[in-house]
Structures are given as structure tokens and as C-alpha cells.
Amino acid sequence: MSISLSQSLVQFVEQYKLEHDYKSRSQVIETALQLLQTQELEKAYAEAAKEVDLGWDITIADGLSDETW
């Protein structure tokens, strides 16, 4: 795979690599993409948490405590 970056991003990646003891620019970019992926997953989980499942709410309010199980 090959990517094109602006000169300012190339300089940032290089500086970050040096400051954080990364072995390569690719390693810096991989880390950045993993962070971006994590951010997207967090957004998806937050959206899913907003969904209301009335059936589940009724089930968990059935009066049984954890000790019952």
C-alpha cells in the first residue's frame, strides 16, 4: 500500500516517530489508524447504548436480584 501525505503531515509523522521511539513512519501511521478505529467503535457503542429496549428494561426490573441466580 502506498499513501500520499502533505509535507506538513510527513514532518509531523517523522517528528512523532523520533520523539516516541517508533521504528518507522509506518508504525506511527498504524498507531494513528488504530486510534481512529477505536474512536469509531466508541461512537458506535455510544449510539447503540442510546437505543432503548423496552423488553430488556422490563426483564431487568422483574424483582430478581443477582443472588437469586
Protein backbone atom coordinates (compact mmCIF):
# COMPACT_ATOMS: atom_id res chain seq x y z
CA MET A 1 0.00 0.00 0.00
CA SER A 2 1.14 3.49 -0.72
CA ILE A 3 -0.27 6.74 0.64
CA SER A 4 0.34 10.39 -0.13
CA LEU A 5 0.62 12.94 2.66
CA SER A 6 1.13 16.66 2.71
CA GLN A 7 4.59 17.83 3.64
CA SER A 8 3.35 19.07 7.00
CA LEU A 9 1.91 15.63 7.86
CA VAL A 10 5.12 13.91 6.77
CA GLN A 11 7.06 16.23 9.07
CA PHE A 12 4.63 15.54 11.91
CA VAL A 13 4.91 11.77 11.45
CA GLU A 14 8.70 11.96 11.35
CA GLN A 15 8.87 14.17 14.45
CA TYR A 16 6.43 11.90 16.31
CA LYS A 17 8.49 8.86 15.32
CA LEU A 18 11.64 10.42 16.75
CA GLU A 19 10.02 11.74 19.94
CA HIS A 20 8.25 8.48 20.77
CA ASP A 21 10.92 5.99 19.67
CA TYR A 22 8.91 4.40 16.89
CA LYS A 23 10.93 2.31 14.47
CA SER A 24 9.25 3.55 11.30
CA ARG A 25 6.80 6.03 9.87
CA SER A 26 4.54 3.10 9.05
CA GLN A 27 4.39 2.22 12.73
CA VAL A 28 3.30 5.79 13.57
CA ILE A 29 0.60 5.71 10.90
CA GLU A 30 -0.58 2.26 12.03
CA THR A 31 -0.92 3.56 15.60
CA ALA A 32 -2.86 6.58 14.35
CA LEU A 33 -5.22 4.37 12.36
CA GLN A 34 -5.78 2.10 15.35
CA LEU A 35 -6.72 5.14 17.43
CA LEU A 36 -9.10 6.27 14.69
CA GLN A 37 -10.65 2.81 14.59
CA THR A 38 -11.09 2.83 18.37
CA GLN A 39 -12.72 6.25 18.17
CA GLU A 40 -15.21 4.98 15.58
CA LEU A 41 -16.01 1.91 17.70
CA GLU A 42 -16.60 4.12 20.73
CA LYS A 43 -19.04 6.21 18.69
CA ALA A 44 -20.86 3.08 17.52
CA TYR A 45 -21.11 1.75 21.09
CA ALA A 46 -22.40 5.11 22.31
CA GLU A 47 -25.07 5.11 19.60
CA ALA A 48 -26.06 1.53 20.45
CA ALA A 49 -26.29 2.43 24.13
CA LYS A 50 -28.82 5.15 23.27
CA GLU A 51 -31.20 2.59 21.82
CA VAL A 52 -33.92 1.70 24.27
CA ASP A 53 -35.02 -1.92 24.54
CA LEU A 54 -38.24 -1.78 26.49
CA GLY A 55 -38.36 -5.57 26.76
CA TRP A 56 -34.94 -5.63 28.41
CA ASP A 57 -35.91 -2.87 30.82
CA ILE A 58 -38.93 -4.90 31.89
CA THR A 59 -36.84 -8.05 32.26
CA ILE A 60 -34.22 -6.46 34.48
CA ALA A 61 -36.94 -4.89 36.62
CA ASP A 62 -38.53 -8.26 37.42
CA GLY A 63 -37.55 -8.06 41.08
CA LEU A 64 -34.92 -10.78 40.96
CA SER A 65 -31.58 -9.89 42.43
CA ASP A 66 -28.20 -11.21 41.34
CA GLU A 67 -28.19 -13.53 44.34
CA THR A 68 -31.29 -15.31 43.01
CA TRP A 69 -29.27 -16.65 40.10
